[in-house]
Amino acid sequence: MTGIDIAFCTRLLKEVGDDLYAKFAETRGTPPHDFEELAQRFRQLNDQAEEAIRSALQTNYPAIRWSDGEFDLEEQQHAMRSGDYWICDPMDGAFHFFQGFTFWSTALCLIRDGVPVFSAVYDPCHRELFHAVQGEGAYLNGVRIAAGKKQELKHAVVATSHPTQVSKDGTLLQTVQGLSRVMSRSMITRMLGSVSLQLAYVASGRLDAYWEHGNDTFDWLPGALLVQEAGGKVTDTEGRLFGQGPGGIAAASRTLHPQLVAALQEEAV
């Protein structure tokens, strides 16, 4: 039991997501002229959406803490391991949002003692709400979903994401090598946008697998619970316990997961 009102939380996420969609529809076709304008627009809308979610949750659940670690990778690596706290990404896929692409989402997750116990990912453009509760399954608009049933990676549609910014930590090189390894061993590879939404697609069988290098754990947690509760498997990219270090994420059905991890360890083609 999560101890929270799931209907209240999902309704809140939809309300905020729909408000964002109204702004999206209003400004679609007028992308920012430069990074400074994009950053200004992002701060304004993201902060408004986050405050709406945060204030409502703190009013209803004052004992549950709020994490501000969305853009703080150091905090993510030293995240609270005891008690309850919320993590939230009001605009997952913000670049897509401002460029007028529809693959963005609003995501919320409740962490208990370091483990996600509730998550919701809302796609306002298609009015699709994915949510999961630990031990109770994963759902799309109230209908239970399950990970895909393909047996071989060579027939799989897989997805990944590259780093938003080039850094010196080796993530970009890992991403390029991973693409070479997986693309040559799967049917189709795509980069679609919102990480939470791509993981939700794995949970619903629309995608067969997803992997990403780096250490953006907070980006992955909402979707990771969806995949797990849909019967899939989630680890880091080397098959180790997910979320315990900067090892990236590998998510797929239980049949394809070992094949995905093995492909990521093979020699690049």
Protein backbone atom coordinates (compact mmCIF):
# COMPACT_ATOMS: atom_id res chain seq x y z
CA MET A 1 0.00 0.00 0.00
CA THR A 2 1.30 3.44 -0.91
CA GLY A 3 -0.76 5.38 1.63
CA ILE A 4 -1.71 7.97 -0.98
CA ASP A 5 -4.83 8.61 -3.02
CA ILE A 6 -3.87 7.36 -6.48
CA ALA A 7 -6.91 8.95 -8.13
CA PHE A 8 -6.03 12.34 -6.62
CA CYS A 9 -2.41 12.13 -7.79
CA THR A 10 -3.23 11.05 -11.33
CA ARG A 11 -5.97 13.66 -11.60
CA LEU A 12 -3.52 16.34 -10.47
CA LEU A 13 -0.96 15.23 -13.04
CA LYS A 14 -3.57 15.33 -15.81
CA GLU A 15 -4.73 18.81 -14.81
CA VAL A 16 -1.20 20.21 -14.88
CA GLY A 17 -0.37 18.34 -18.08
CA ASP A 18 -3.50 19.65 -19.79
CA ASP A 19 -2.59 23.20 -18.76
CA LEU A 20 0.83 22.68 -20.33
CA TYR A 21 -0.79 21.31 -23.46
CA ALA A 22 -2.84 24.51 -23.78
CA LYS A 23 0.43 26.48 -23.76
CA PHE A 24 1.94 23.98 -26.22
CA ALA A 25 -0.96 24.41 -28.66
CA GLU A 26 -0.85 28.18 -28.28
CA THR A 27 2.86 28.52 -29.09
CA ARG A 28 3.27 25.62 -31.52
CA GLY A 29 4.83 26.88 -34.73
CA THR A 30 6.83 29.59 -32.95
CA PRO A 31 9.92 27.79 -31.64
CA PRO A 32 12.51 29.76 -29.64
CA HIS A 33 15.04 31.71 -31.69
CA ASP A 34 17.99 30.69 -29.55
CA PHE A 35 18.96 28.79 -26.41
CA GLU A 36 18.48 31.82 -24.16
CA GLU A 37 14.85 32.21 -25.25
CA LEU A 38 14.28 28.47 -24.88
CA ALA A 39 15.73 28.50 -21.37
CA GLN A 40 13.56 31.47 -20.39
CA ARG A 41 10.40 29.84 -21.69
CA PHE A 42 11.32 26.56 -20.03
CA ARG A 43 11.96 28.11 -16.62
CA GLN A 44 8.66 29.95 -16.69
CA LEU A 45 6.46 27.01 -17.68
CA ASN A 46 8.37 24.30 -15.82
CA ASP A 47 8.45 26.30 -12.59
CA GLN A 48 4.73 27.07 -12.80
CA ALA A 49 3.84 23.42 -13.43
CA GLU A 50 6.17 22.14 -10.73
CA GLU A 51 4.77 24.56 -8.17
CA ALA A 52 1.20 23.53 -8.98
CA ILE A 53 2.06 19.87 -8.40
CA ARG A 54 4.27 20.51 -5.41
CA SER A 55 1.84 22.75 -3.54
CA ALA A 56 -1.08 20.35 -4.03
CA LEU A 57 0.94 17.35 -2.87
CA GLN A 58 2.38 19.16 0.14
CA THR A 59 -1.10 20.29 1.17
CA ASN A 60 -2.44 16.74 1.03
CA TYR A 61 0.72 14.90 2.14
CA PRO A 62 2.78 17.27 4.31
CA ALA A 63 4.91 14.43 5.71
CA ILE A 64 6.23 13.42 2.29
CA ARG A 65 9.35 15.31 1.29
CA TRP A 66 10.04 16.86 -2.12
CA SER A 67 13.27 16.33 -4.01
CA ASP A 68 14.76 19.14 -6.07
CA GLY A 69 17.27 16.79 -7.68
CA GLU A 70 15.89 16.77 -11.23
CA PHE A 71 18.88 18.74 -12.54
CA ASP A 72 21.31 17.88 -9.74
CA LEU A 73 23.11 14.65 -10.65
CA GLU A 74 25.17 14.74 -7.47
CA GLU A 75 22.01 14.77 -5.37
CA GLN A 76 20.64 11.91 -7.44
CA GLN A 77 23.71 9.84 -6.66
CA HIS A 78 23.23 10.55 -2.94
CA ALA A 79 19.44 10.43 -2.97
CA MET A 80 17.56 9.89 0.25
CA ARG A 81 17.47 6.17 1.03
CA SER A 82 14.99 6.33 3.88
CA GLY A 83 11.47 7.66 4.15
CA ASP A 84 9.15 8.94 1.44
CA TYR A 85 9.80 11.67 -1.12
CA TRP A 86 8.44 12.85 -4.44
CA ILE A 87 10.34 13.33 -7.66
CA CYS A 88 8.71 15.17 -10.53
CA ASP A 89 9.50 16.13 -14.12
CA PRO A 90 6.75 18.48 -15.31
CA MET A 91 8.18 18.74 -18.84
CA ASP A 92 10.00 15.56 -19.77
CA GLY A 93 11.01 16.18 -23.37
CA ALA A 94 11.09 19.96 -23.10
CA PHE A 95 13.05 20.44 -26.33
CA HIS A 96 10.29 18.59 -28.18
CA PHE A 97 7.68 20.72 -26.45
CA PHE A 98 9.20 23.98 -27.61
CA GLN A 99 9.95 22.75 -31.13
CA GLY A 100 6.35 21.65 -31.58
CA PHE A 101 6.89 17.87 -31.47
CA THR A 102 4.27 15.91 -29.56
CA PHE A 103 6.51 13.39 -27.77
CA TRP A 104 6.75 15.00 -24.32
CA SER A 105 5.15 14.15 -20.98
CA THR A 106 4.61 15.05 -17.34
CA ALA A 107 5.95 12.53 -14.82
CA LEU A 108 5.61 11.98 -11.08
CA CYS A 109 7.04 9.30 -8.80
CA LEU A 110 6.83 8.47 -5.10
CA ILE A 111 10.00 6.94 -3.66
CA ARG A 112 9.91 4.96 -0.42
CA ASP A 113 13.20 3.95 1.21
CA GLY A 114 14.97 4.41 -2.12
CA VAL A 115 12.46 2.36 -4.15
CA PRO A 116 9.68 3.69 -6.45
CA VAL A 117 6.24 2.63 -5.18
CA PHE A 118 4.00 4.80 -7.35
CA SER A 119 4.55 6.50 -10.67
CA ALA A 120 2.47 8.25 -13.29
CA VAL A 121 3.42 9.44 -16.75
CA TYR A 122 0.92 11.60 -18.64
CA ASP A 123 1.02 12.30 -22.37
CA PRO A 124 -1.27 15.33 -22.80
CA CYS A 125 -0.98 15.34 -26.60
CA HIS A 126 -2.67 11.93 -26.82
CA ARG A 127 -4.49 12.07 -23.47
CA GLU A 128 -2.80 8.87 -22.32
CA LEU A 129 -2.10 8.34 -18.64
CA PHE A 130 0.23 5.53 -17.62
CA HIS A 131 0.50 4.68 -13.94
CA ALA A 132 1.84 1.91 -11.75
CA VAL A 133 1.71 0.94 -8.09
CA GLN A 134 4.27 -1.42 -6.59
CA GLY A 135 2.81 -4.92 -6.51
CA GLU A 136 -0.44 -3.87 -8.22
CA GLY A 137 0.49 -3.71 -11.91
CA ALA A 138 0.79 -1.02 -14.59
CA TYR A 139 -2.09 0.66 -16.41
CA LEU A 140 -2.88 2.84 -19.41
CA ASN A 141 -6.04 4.92 -18.91
CA GLY A 142 -7.15 2.39 -16.31
CA VAL A 143 -6.57 -0.71 -18.45
CA ARG A 144 -3.82 -3.10 -17.38
CA ILE A 145 -0.81 -3.28 -19.69
CA ALA A 146 2.02 -5.75 -20.20
CA ALA A 147 5.47 -5.69 -21.77
CA GLY A 148 5.93 -7.16 -25.25
CA LYS A 149 6.18 -10.84 -26.10
CA LYS A 150 8.87 -10.96 -28.78
CA GLN A 151 11.40 -13.72 -28.33
CA GLU A 152 14.45 -12.41 -30.17
CA LEU A 153 16.24 -9.07 -30.17
CA LYS A 154 16.72 -9.22 -33.94
CA HIS A 155 12.95 -8.68 -34.31
CA ALA A 156 12.72 -5.94 -31.66
CA VAL A 157 11.91 -2.24 -31.93
CA VAL A 158 14.18 -0.56 -29.39
CA ALA A 159 14.83 3.00 -28.30
CA THR A 160 17.48 5.05 -26.54
CA SER A 161 18.43 8.67 -25.79
CA HIS A 162 21.67 10.56 -26.15
CA PRO A 163 23.07 13.05 -23.63
CA THR A 164 21.45 16.48 -23.79
CA GLN A 165 24.86 18.10 -23.44
CA VAL A 166 28.31 16.85 -24.38
CA SER A 167 30.34 16.11 -21.24
CA LYS A 168 33.71 14.60 -20.45
CA ASP A 169 32.37 11.66 -18.44
CA GLY A 170 32.36 9.26 -21.38
CA THR A 171 28.57 9.07 -21.71
CA LEU A 172 28.56 10.27 -25.33
CA LEU A 173 31.12 7.65 -26.35
CA GLN A 174 29.13 4.96 -24.52
CA THR A 175 26.00 6.08 -26.34
CA VAL A 176 27.65 5.89 -29.77
CA GLN A 177 29.13 2.48 -29.00
CA GLY A 178 25.79 1.27 -27.64
CA LEU A 179 24.03 2.39 -30.81
CA SER A 180 26.52 0.49 -32.94
CA ARG A 181 26.09 -2.64 -30.85
CA VAL A 182 22.31 -2.65 -30.55
CA MET A 183 21.38 -1.32 -34.00
CA SER A 184 23.26 -4.16 -35.66
CA ARG A 185 21.46 -6.75 -33.52
CA SER A 186 17.89 -5.40 -33.46
CA MET A 187 15.29 -4.65 -36.12
CA ILE A 188 14.76 -0.92 -35.59
CA THR A 189 16.31 1.64 -33.22
CA ARG A 190 14.74 5.01 -32.47
CA MET A 191 15.24 8.13 -30.32
CA LEU A 192 11.77 9.50 -29.63
CA GLY A 193 12.06 12.18 -26.93
CA SER A 194 10.60 11.96 -23.43
CA VAL A 195 12.45 9.25 -21.50
CA SER A 196 9.51 8.50 -19.20
CA LEU A 197 7.22 8.09 -22.19
CA GLN A 198 9.63 5.79 -24.00
CA LEU A 199 9.78 3.57 -20.91
CA ALA A 200 5.98 3.69 -20.70
CA TYR A 201 5.96 2.42 -24.29
CA VAL A 202 8.16 -0.50 -23.22
CA ALA A 203 5.69 -1.23 -20.42
CA SER A 204 2.80 -1.28 -22.90
CA GLY A 205 4.58 -3.29 -25.60
CA ARG A 206 4.78 -0.45 -28.13
CA LEU A 207 8.55 -0.58 -27.77
CA ASP A 208 10.34 -3.82 -27.03
CA ALA A 209 13.31 -2.37 -25.14
CA TYR A 210 14.97 0.84 -23.99
CA TRP A 211 18.48 1.57 -22.83
CA GLU A 212 20.42 4.69 -21.92
CA HIS A 213 23.88 5.39 -20.61
CA GLY A 214 24.66 8.01 -17.98
CA ASN A 215 23.46 8.70 -14.46
CA ASP A 216 20.11 10.51 -14.83
CA THR A 217 18.43 8.17 -12.35
CA PHE A 218 15.55 10.53 -11.55
CA ASP A 219 14.64 10.64 -15.26
CA TRP A 220 14.31 6.85 -15.30
CA LEU A 221 12.53 6.05 -12.04
CA PRO A 222 8.91 6.78 -13.07
CA GLY A 223 9.19 4.68 -16.23
CA ALA A 224 11.23 1.97 -14.52
CA LEU A 225 8.36 1.17 -12.15
CA LEU A 226 5.95 1.03 -15.11
CA VAL A 227 8.15 -1.55 -16.86
CA GLN A 228 8.62 -3.64 -13.73
CA GLU A 229 4.91 -3.68 -12.92
CA ALA A 230 4.12 -4.57 -16.54
CA GLY A 231 6.16 -7.75 -16.13
CA GLY A 232 9.39 -6.44 -17.64
CA LYS A 233 12.86 -6.28 -16.19
CA VAL A 234 14.98 -3.21 -15.39
CA THR A 235 18.70 -3.17 -14.54
CA ASP A 236 21.67 -0.99 -15.35
CA THR A 237 23.30 -1.50 -18.75
CA GLU A 238 25.55 -4.25 -17.37
CA GLY A 239 22.70 -6.21 -15.80
CA ARG A 240 23.30 -5.04 -12.23
CA LEU A 241 20.70 -3.78 -9.78
CA PHE A 242 19.09 -0.63 -11.18
CA GLY A 243 19.40 2.69 -9.38
CA GLN A 244 22.36 1.87 -7.15
CA GLY A 245 25.00 3.69 -9.19
CA PRO A 246 25.82 5.53 -12.43
CA GLY A 247 25.30 2.47 -14.62
CA GLY A 248 22.55 3.68 -16.92
CA ILE A 249 19.35 1.73 -17.55
CA ALA A 250 18.34 -1.31 -19.59
CA ALA A 251 14.60 -2.09 -19.71
CA ALA A 252 12.81 -4.80 -21.68
CA SER A 253 10.59 -7.83 -21.41
CA ARG A 254 12.09 -10.63 -19.35
CA THR A 255 12.80 -12.59 -22.54
CA LEU A 256 14.58 -9.78 -24.37
CA HIS A 257 16.33 -8.19 -21.39
CA PRO A 258 19.31 -10.59 -21.21
CA GLN A 259 19.73 -10.25 -24.98
CA LEU A 260 19.77 -6.45 -24.72
CA VAL A 261 22.35 -6.47 -21.93
CA ALA A 262 24.49 -9.00 -23.82
CA ALA A 263 24.35 -6.84 -26.96
CA LEU A 264 25.51 -3.80 -24.99
CA GLN A 265 28.59 -5.73 -23.84
CA GLU A 266 29.51 -7.07 -27.30
CA GLU A 267 32.14 -5.54 -29.53
CA ALA A 268 30.83 -2.54 -31.45
CA VAL A 269 30.16 -3.29 -35.11
